[in-house]
Each structure stands twice: as C-alpha cells, then as structure tokens.
C-alpha cells in the first residue's frame, strides 16, 4: 500500500456531511413506495413508527445545525419543531437540513473545528463542545436512528437499502448514481481517491 497523506479533519467532516445527505436521500427514495399507514404503523424501535423516527432525526439535526451556525436560541428551533406528516414533506425538509450541513462543513478549517459551540439544554444550562465533537455526535446520532429505520423496514414490503457506501474513497463505484443525482463530482467530495 502506498503511503497516504495524513487525514485532514475538516476534509473528513466535509465527506461525512456529504455522506449523510446521500444516505438520507437513498433511504427516503427506498421508502417512497410505503403507504401512509405503513409509515405510521407501530414498530419495534426507540420511536414507535418510521415517521416518528425520521422526524426525530430531522428535529435533532435542525437543533444541532442551528447551534453550529451560531443562530440565537437554537433550543427554540427544537421547541418549535413541527413533525412532518408525509414522507415527501419530511424528505424535502431533511434535504434542506442536510444541505445546510454540507455548506457549513465546506467552510471548515482547523481553527473552525476547534471553535466552541454553545448548546442550551434547558433550565439555564448551556453545554459547550468543539465543532468537531458536535459534528461527530450529530453524525453518530443520525447513523444510530437511520439504523433503527433500516431495521424497521425489514418488517415492510420495502427492502432496507444499502447505506454504508458513502465514506470510503475506494467505494466510488457503489455510489455513482447517488453522486450524479446530487450533482457532485467524486474528486470534489473525496479528493483524489483511496
């Protein structure tokens, strides 16, 4: 194996933000044939339905992105969140949220990764963590709950889609349609490859 350059944290977070958008798009596209009844049917998971789980992902994303972007009172974003009633409504809102995260990540440099993020947690408590840690937490949260949606889909007529082909540069061939649909070039997102 050739010696590789050191991993650049801002570049890695940019890849994560793109991968997040692509995973959500693939998941939502796979779920499109489900009826409203199937989306709202009780299922085994942390949240009781597919829509409740997807809405949780979206609401949490919006809170953390507001905090990352230094918007005033990001906790109010959470308190004002109105769950989407349809998959198309949710997918459109999630895409906007995901695009905001891609734009935020595009502006990151090493100093920005270390900036403190203030996150109101209620009762006057404000949690403070670095941008890179908040983003790592957000990506983990998304992956955790997308995995629950993935498992719930096993009990529907829809086959759970493959969702782990978006991180490694060497797996470019597995995401060609997803990248094209997003209008992204592999070299722009992943650099020169693996």
C-alpha atoms as a PDB file:
ATOM      1  CA  UNK A   1       0.000   0.000   0.000  1.00  0.00           C
ATOM      2  CA  UNK A   2       1.298   3.448  -0.884  1.00  0.00           C
ATOM      3  CA  UNK A   3       1.956   5.853   1.936  1.00  0.00           C
ATOM      4  CA  UNK A   4      -1.080   8.099   2.324  1.00  0.00           C
ATOM      5  CA  UNK A   5      -1.266  11.717   3.361  1.00  0.00           C
ATOM      6  CA  UNK A   6      -2.432  12.415   6.900  1.00  0.00           C
ATOM      7  CA  UNK A   7      -6.197  12.687   7.218  1.00  0.00           C
ATOM      8  CA  UNK A   8      -7.369  16.282   7.284  1.00  0.00           C
ATOM      9  CA  UNK A   9     -10.138  16.716   9.913  1.00  0.00           C
ATOM     10  CA  UNK A  10     -12.076  19.440   8.046  1.00  0.00           C
ATOM     11  CA  UNK A  11     -11.936  17.361   4.844  1.00  0.00           C
ATOM     12  CA  UNK A  12     -13.141  14.304   6.749  1.00  0.00           C
ATOM     13  CA  UNK A  13     -16.084  16.247   8.210  1.00  0.00           C
ATOM     14  CA  UNK A  14     -16.936  17.501   4.724  1.00  0.00           C
ATOM     15  CA  UNK A  15     -17.051  13.893   3.479  1.00  0.00           C
ATOM     16  CA  UNK A  16     -19.252  12.979   6.462  1.00  0.00           C
ATOM     17  CA  UNK A  17     -21.675  15.794   5.661  1.00  0.00           C
ATOM     18  CA  UNK A  18     -21.941  14.691   2.026  1.00  0.00           C
ATOM     19  CA  UNK A  19     -22.315  11.037   3.028  1.00  0.00           C
ATOM     20  CA  UNK A  20     -25.087  11.993   5.442  1.00  0.00           C
ATOM     21  CA  UNK A  21     -27.058  13.697   2.684  1.00  0.00           C
ATOM     22  CA  UNK A  22     -26.565  10.756   0.310  1.00  0.00           C
ATOM     23  CA  UNK A  23     -27.640   8.197   2.933  1.00  0.00           C
ATOM     24  CA  UNK A  24     -30.804  10.141   3.729  1.00  0.00           C
ATOM     25  CA  UNK A  25     -31.671  10.524   0.048  1.00  0.00           C
ATOM     26  CA  UNK A  26     -31.170   6.803  -0.603  1.00  0.00           C
ATOM     27  CA  UNK A  27     -33.209   5.872   2.466  1.00  0.00           C
ATOM     28  CA  UNK A  28     -36.077   8.203   1.616  1.00  0.00           C
ATOM     29  CA  UNK A  29     -36.134   7.054  -2.021  1.00  0.00           C
ATOM     30  CA  UNK A  30     -36.329   3.423  -0.913  1.00  0.00           C
ATOM     31  CA  UNK A  31     -39.211   4.261   1.416  1.00  0.00           C
ATOM     32  CA  UNK A  32     -41.236   6.138  -1.217  1.00  0.00           C
ATOM     33  CA  UNK A  33     -43.489   3.147  -2.084  1.00  0.00           C
ATOM     34  CA  UNK A  34     -44.693   2.810   1.524  1.00  0.00           C
ATOM     35  CA  UNK A  35     -48.234   3.894   2.259  1.00  0.00           C
ATOM     36  CA  UNK A  36     -49.096   6.447   4.925  1.00  0.00           C
ATOM     37  CA  UNK A  37     -50.431   3.577   7.039  1.00  0.00           C
ATOM     38  CA  UNK A  38     -47.130   1.688   6.761  1.00  0.00           C
ATOM     39  CA  UNK A  39     -45.163   4.818   7.694  1.00  0.00           C
ATOM     40  CA  UNK A  40     -47.318   5.341  10.794  1.00  0.00           C
ATOM     41  CA  UNK A  41     -47.722   1.670  11.793  1.00  0.00           C
ATOM     42  CA  UNK A  42     -46.386   0.750  15.255  1.00  0.00           C
ATOM     43  CA  UNK A  43     -42.974  -0.915  15.025  1.00  0.00           C
ATOM     44  CA  UNK A  44     -40.231  -2.043  17.347  1.00  0.00           C
ATOM     45  CA  UNK A  45     -37.729   0.761  17.864  1.00  0.00           C
ATOM     46  CA  UNK A  46     -36.778   3.608  20.128  1.00  0.00           C
ATOM     47  CA  UNK A  47     -39.531   5.660  18.475  1.00  0.00           C
ATOM     48  CA  UNK A  48     -42.720   3.752  17.688  1.00  0.00           C
ATOM     49  CA  UNK A  49     -43.062   4.397  13.922  1.00  0.00           C
ATOM     50  CA  UNK A  50     -40.967   5.033  10.850  1.00  0.00           C
ATOM     51  CA  UNK A  51     -42.234   8.628  10.627  1.00  0.00           C
ATOM     52  CA  UNK A  52     -41.609   9.299  14.326  1.00  0.00           C
ATOM     53  CA  UNK A  53     -38.022   8.098  13.946  1.00  0.00           C
ATOM     54  CA  UNK A  54     -37.414  10.126  10.786  1.00  0.00           C
ATOM     55  CA  UNK A  55     -38.918  13.220  12.425  1.00  0.00           C
ATOM     56  CA  UNK A  56     -36.645  12.738  15.432  1.00  0.00           C
ATOM     57  CA  UNK A  57     -33.600  12.665  13.157  1.00  0.00           C
ATOM     58  CA  UNK A  58     -34.754  15.853  11.428  1.00  0.00           C
ATOM     59  CA  UNK A  59     -35.597  17.750  14.624  1.00  0.00           C
ATOM     60  CA  UNK A  60     -32.272  16.911  16.262  1.00  0.00           C
ATOM     61  CA  UNK A  61     -30.393  17.790  13.069  1.00  0.00           C
ATOM     62  CA  UNK A  62     -32.053  21.194  12.948  1.00  0.00           C
ATOM     63  CA  UNK A  63     -31.175  21.894  16.595  1.00  0.00           C
ATOM     64  CA  UNK A  64     -27.501  20.997  16.228  1.00  0.00           C
ATOM     65  CA  UNK A  65     -27.119  22.777  12.897  1.00  0.00           C
ATOM     66  CA  UNK A  66     -28.626  25.934  14.420  1.00  0.00           C
ATOM     67  CA  UNK A  67     -26.114  25.663  17.282  1.00  0.00           C
ATOM     68  CA  UNK A  68     -23.196  25.021  14.911  1.00  0.00           C
ATOM     69  CA  UNK A  69     -24.212  28.047  12.831  1.00  0.00           C
ATOM     70  CA  UNK A  70     -24.372  30.231  15.981  1.00  0.00           C
ATOM     71  CA  UNK A  71     -28.038  31.014  15.499  1.00  0.00           C
ATOM     72  CA  UNK A  72     -29.604  32.711  18.524  1.00  0.00           C
ATOM     73  CA  UNK A  73     -31.549  30.372  20.794  1.00  0.00           C
ATOM     74  CA  UNK A  74     -31.038  27.083  18.944  1.00  0.00           C
ATOM     75  CA  UNK A  75     -33.144  25.411  21.632  1.00  0.00           C
ATOM     76  CA  UNK A  76     -36.133  27.288  20.228  1.00  0.00           C
ATOM     77  CA  UNK A  77     -35.559  25.502  16.911  1.00  0.00           C
ATOM     78  CA  UNK A  78     -36.118  22.277  18.823  1.00  0.00           C
ATOM     79  CA  UNK A  79     -39.156  23.575  20.735  1.00  0.00           C
ATOM     80  CA  UNK A  80     -40.794  24.951  17.578  1.00  0.00           C
ATOM     81  CA  UNK A  81     -40.179  21.783  15.537  1.00  0.00           C
ATOM     82  CA  UNK A  82     -43.354  20.526  13.853  1.00  0.00           C
ATOM     83  CA  UNK A  83     -43.128  16.890  12.740  1.00  0.00           C
ATOM     84  CA  UNK A  84     -43.675  16.252   9.034  1.00  0.00           C
ATOM     85  CA  UNK A  85     -46.855  14.333   8.272  1.00  0.00           C
ATOM     86  CA  UNK A  86     -45.789  12.801   4.955  1.00  0.00           C
ATOM     87  CA  UNK A  87     -42.587  11.230   3.718  1.00  0.00           C
ATOM     88  CA  UNK A  88     -42.311  13.735   0.866  1.00  0.00           C
ATOM     89  CA  UNK A  89     -42.619  16.649   3.302  1.00  0.00           C
ATOM     90  CA  UNK A  90     -40.038  15.074   5.587  1.00  0.00           C
ATOM     91  CA  UNK A  91     -37.612  14.265   2.752  1.00  0.00           C
ATOM     92  CA  UNK A  92     -37.782  17.857   1.484  1.00  0.00           C
ATOM     93  CA  UNK A  93     -37.124  19.297   4.953  1.00  0.00           C
ATOM     94  CA  UNK A  94     -34.331  16.785   5.615  1.00  0.00           C
ATOM     95  CA  UNK A  95     -32.675  17.686   2.310  1.00  0.00           C
ATOM     96  CA  UNK A  96     -32.661  21.377   3.266  1.00  0.00           C
ATOM     97  CA  UNK A  97     -31.155  20.493   6.644  1.00  0.00           C
ATOM     98  CA  UNK A  98     -28.563  18.197   5.055  1.00  0.00           C
ATOM     99  CA  UNK A  99     -27.615  20.866   2.518  1.00  0.00           C
ATOM    100  CA  UNK A 100     -27.107  23.385   5.331  1.00  0.00           C
ATOM    101  CA  UNK A 101     -24.710  20.949   6.990  1.00  0.00           C
ATOM    102  CA  UNK A 102     -22.803  20.451   3.715  1.00  0.00           C
ATOM    103  CA  UNK A 103     -22.448  24.228   3.337  1.00  0.00           C
ATOM    104  CA  UNK A 104     -21.347  24.572   6.971  1.00  0.00           C
ATOM    105  CA  UNK A 105     -18.752  21.819   6.573  1.00  0.00           C
ATOM    106  CA  UNK A 106     -17.441  23.353   3.341  1.00  0.00           C
ATOM    107  CA  UNK A 107     -16.297  26.418   5.282  1.00  0.00           C
ATOM    108  CA  UNK A 108     -14.430  24.480   7.980  1.00  0.00           C
ATOM    109  CA  UNK A 109     -10.722  24.801   8.594  1.00  0.00           C
ATOM    110  CA  UNK A 110      -8.676  23.501  11.535  1.00  0.00           C
ATOM    111  CA  UNK A 111      -9.429  26.557  13.676  1.00  0.00           C
ATOM    112  CA  UNK A 112     -13.153  26.335  12.980  1.00  0.00           C
ATOM    113  CA  UNK A 113     -13.161  22.647  14.003  1.00  0.00           C
ATOM    114  CA  UNK A 114     -11.911  23.712  17.434  1.00  0.00           C
ATOM    115  CA  UNK A 115     -14.371  26.585  17.947  1.00  0.00           C
ATOM    116  CA  UNK A 116     -16.698  26.207  20.923  1.00  0.00           C
ATOM    117  CA  UNK A 117     -20.384  25.574  20.237  1.00  0.00           C
ATOM    118  CA  UNK A 118     -22.923  26.681  22.823  1.00  0.00           C
ATOM    119  CA  UNK A 119     -25.934  24.409  23.138  1.00  0.00           C
ATOM    120  CA  UNK A 120     -28.739  25.435  25.518  1.00  0.00           C
ATOM    121  CA  UNK A 121     -30.022  22.312  27.264  1.00  0.00           C
ATOM    122  CA  UNK A 122     -32.855  23.726  29.361  1.00  0.00           C
ATOM    123  CA  UNK A 123     -33.029  25.040  32.891  1.00  0.00           C
ATOM    124  CA  UNK A 124     -30.380  27.647  32.089  1.00  0.00           C
ATOM    125  CA  UNK A 125     -27.697  25.017  31.411  1.00  0.00           C
ATOM    126  CA  UNK A 126     -25.519  25.618  28.365  1.00  0.00           C
ATOM    127  CA  UNK A 127     -23.376  22.763  27.115  1.00  0.00           C
ATOM    128  CA  UNK A 128     -20.151  23.716  25.325  1.00  0.00           C
ATOM    129  CA  UNK A 129     -18.243  21.427  22.991  1.00  0.00           C
ATOM    130  CA  UNK A 130     -15.957  21.888  19.999  1.00  0.00           C
ATOM    131  CA  UNK A 131     -17.387  21.978  16.478  1.00  0.00           C
ATOM    132  CA  UNK A 132     -15.653  18.706  15.517  1.00  0.00           C
ATOM    133  CA  UNK A 133     -17.081  16.920  18.559  1.00  0.00           C
ATOM    134  CA  UNK A 134     -20.585  18.257  17.948  1.00  0.00           C
ATOM    135  CA  UNK A 135     -20.437  17.174  14.319  1.00  0.00           C
ATOM    136  CA  UNK A 136     -19.137  13.711  15.277  1.00  0.00           C
ATOM    137  CA  UNK A 137     -22.008  13.406  17.748  1.00  0.00           C
ATOM    138  CA  UNK A 138     -24.538  14.548  15.154  1.00  0.00           C
ATOM    139  CA  UNK A 139     -23.299  12.028  12.580  1.00  0.00           C
ATOM    140  CA  UNK A 140     -23.408   9.254  15.202  1.00  0.00           C
ATOM    141  CA  UNK A 141     -26.947  10.247  16.173  1.00  0.00           C
ATOM    142  CA  UNK A 142     -28.062  10.159  12.542  1.00  0.00           C
ATOM    143  CA  UNK A 143     -26.428   6.777  11.948  1.00  0.00           C
ATOM    144  CA  UNK A 144     -27.946   5.354  15.133  1.00  0.00           C
ATOM    145  CA  UNK A 145     -31.503   6.288  14.217  1.00  0.00           C
ATOM    146  CA  UNK A 146     -31.152   5.574  10.483  1.00  0.00           C
ATOM    147  CA  UNK A 147     -30.123   2.090  11.593  1.00  0.00           C
ATOM    148  CA  UNK A 148     -33.377   1.797  13.519  1.00  0.00           C
ATOM    149  CA  UNK A 149     -35.334   2.860  10.419  1.00  0.00           C
ATOM    150  CA  UNK A 150     -33.337   0.318   8.433  1.00  0.00           C
ATOM    151  CA  UNK A 151     -34.320  -2.439  10.881  1.00  0.00           C
ATOM    152  CA  UNK A 152     -37.980  -1.325  10.890  1.00  0.00           C
ATOM    153  CA  UNK A 153     -38.041  -1.569   7.093  1.00  0.00           C
ATOM    154  CA  UNK A 154     -37.358  -5.295   7.406  1.00  0.00           C
ATOM    155  CA  UNK A 155     -40.981  -5.612   8.541  1.00  0.00           C
ATOM    156  CA  UNK A 156     -42.365  -3.852   5.453  1.00  0.00           C
ATOM    157  CA  UNK A 157     -42.660  -4.590   1.742  1.00  0.00           C
ATOM    158  CA  UNK A 158     -39.596  -2.385   1.134  1.00  0.00           C
ATOM    159  CA  UNK A 159     -36.130  -3.909   1.239  1.00  0.00           C
ATOM    160  CA  UNK A 160     -33.794  -1.918   3.507  1.00  0.00           C
ATOM    161  CA  UNK A 161     -31.311  -0.105   1.244  1.00  0.00           C
ATOM    162  CA  UNK A 162     -27.534  -0.342   1.482  1.00  0.00           C
ATOM    163  CA  UNK A 163     -26.434   2.735   3.485  1.00  0.00           C
ATOM    164  CA  UNK A 164     -22.738   2.267   4.173  1.00  0.00           C
ATOM    165  CA  UNK A 165     -21.184   3.016   0.789  1.00  0.00           C
ATOM    166  CA  UNK A 166     -20.590   6.705   1.273  1.00  0.00           C
ATOM    167  CA  UNK A 167     -17.450   7.064   3.369  1.00  0.00           C
ATOM    168  CA  UNK A 168     -14.549   5.297   1.680  1.00  0.00           C
ATOM    169  CA  UNK A 169     -12.998   6.836  -1.423  1.00  0.00           C
ATOM    170  CA  UNK A 170     -12.299   3.313  -2.735  1.00  0.00           C
ATOM    171  CA  UNK A 171     -16.036   2.573  -2.971  1.00  0.00           C
ATOM    172  CA  UNK A 172     -16.813   5.267  -5.522  1.00  0.00           C
ATOM    173  CA  UNK A 173     -18.294   2.711  -7.923  1.00  0.00           C
ATOM    174  CA  UNK A 174     -21.034   1.929  -5.378  1.00  0.00           C
ATOM    175  CA  UNK A 175     -22.370   5.496  -5.220  1.00  0.00           C
ATOM    176  CA  UNK A 176     -22.200   6.686  -8.851  1.00  0.00           C
ATOM    177  CA  UNK A 177     -25.984   7.258  -9.225  1.00  0.00           C
ATOM    178  CA  UNK A 178     -26.205   8.944  -5.808  1.00  0.00           C
ATOM    179  CA  UNK A 179     -23.344  11.330  -6.591  1.00  0.00           C
ATOM    180  CA  UNK A 180     -24.780  12.131 -10.023  1.00  0.00           C
ATOM    181  CA  UNK A 181     -28.220  12.817  -8.556  1.00  0.00           C
ATOM    182  CA  UNK A 182     -26.650  15.263  -6.091  1.00  0.00           C
ATOM    183  CA  UNK A 183     -24.655  16.903  -8.889  1.00  0.00           C
ATOM    184  CA  UNK A 184     -21.363  16.182  -7.130  1.00  0.00           C
ATOM    185  CA  UNK A 185     -18.065  15.049  -8.605  1.00  0.00           C
ATOM    186  CA  UNK A 186     -16.174  12.326  -6.800  1.00  0.00           C
ATOM    187  CA  UNK A 187     -12.893  14.284  -6.828  1.00  0.00           C
ATOM    188  CA  UNK A 188     -14.564  17.355  -5.334  1.00  0.00           C
ATOM    189  CA  UNK A 189     -16.015  15.448  -2.375  1.00  0.00           C
ATOM    190  CA  UNK A 190     -13.464  12.704  -1.786  1.00  0.00           C
ATOM    191  CA  UNK A 191     -10.293  14.154  -3.235  1.00  0.00           C
ATOM    192  CA  UNK A 192      -8.111  12.008  -5.427  1.00  0.00           C
ATOM    193  CA  UNK A 193      -9.397   8.718  -4.028  1.00  0.00           C
ATOM    194  CA  UNK A 194      -8.175   5.941  -1.831  1.00  0.00           C
END
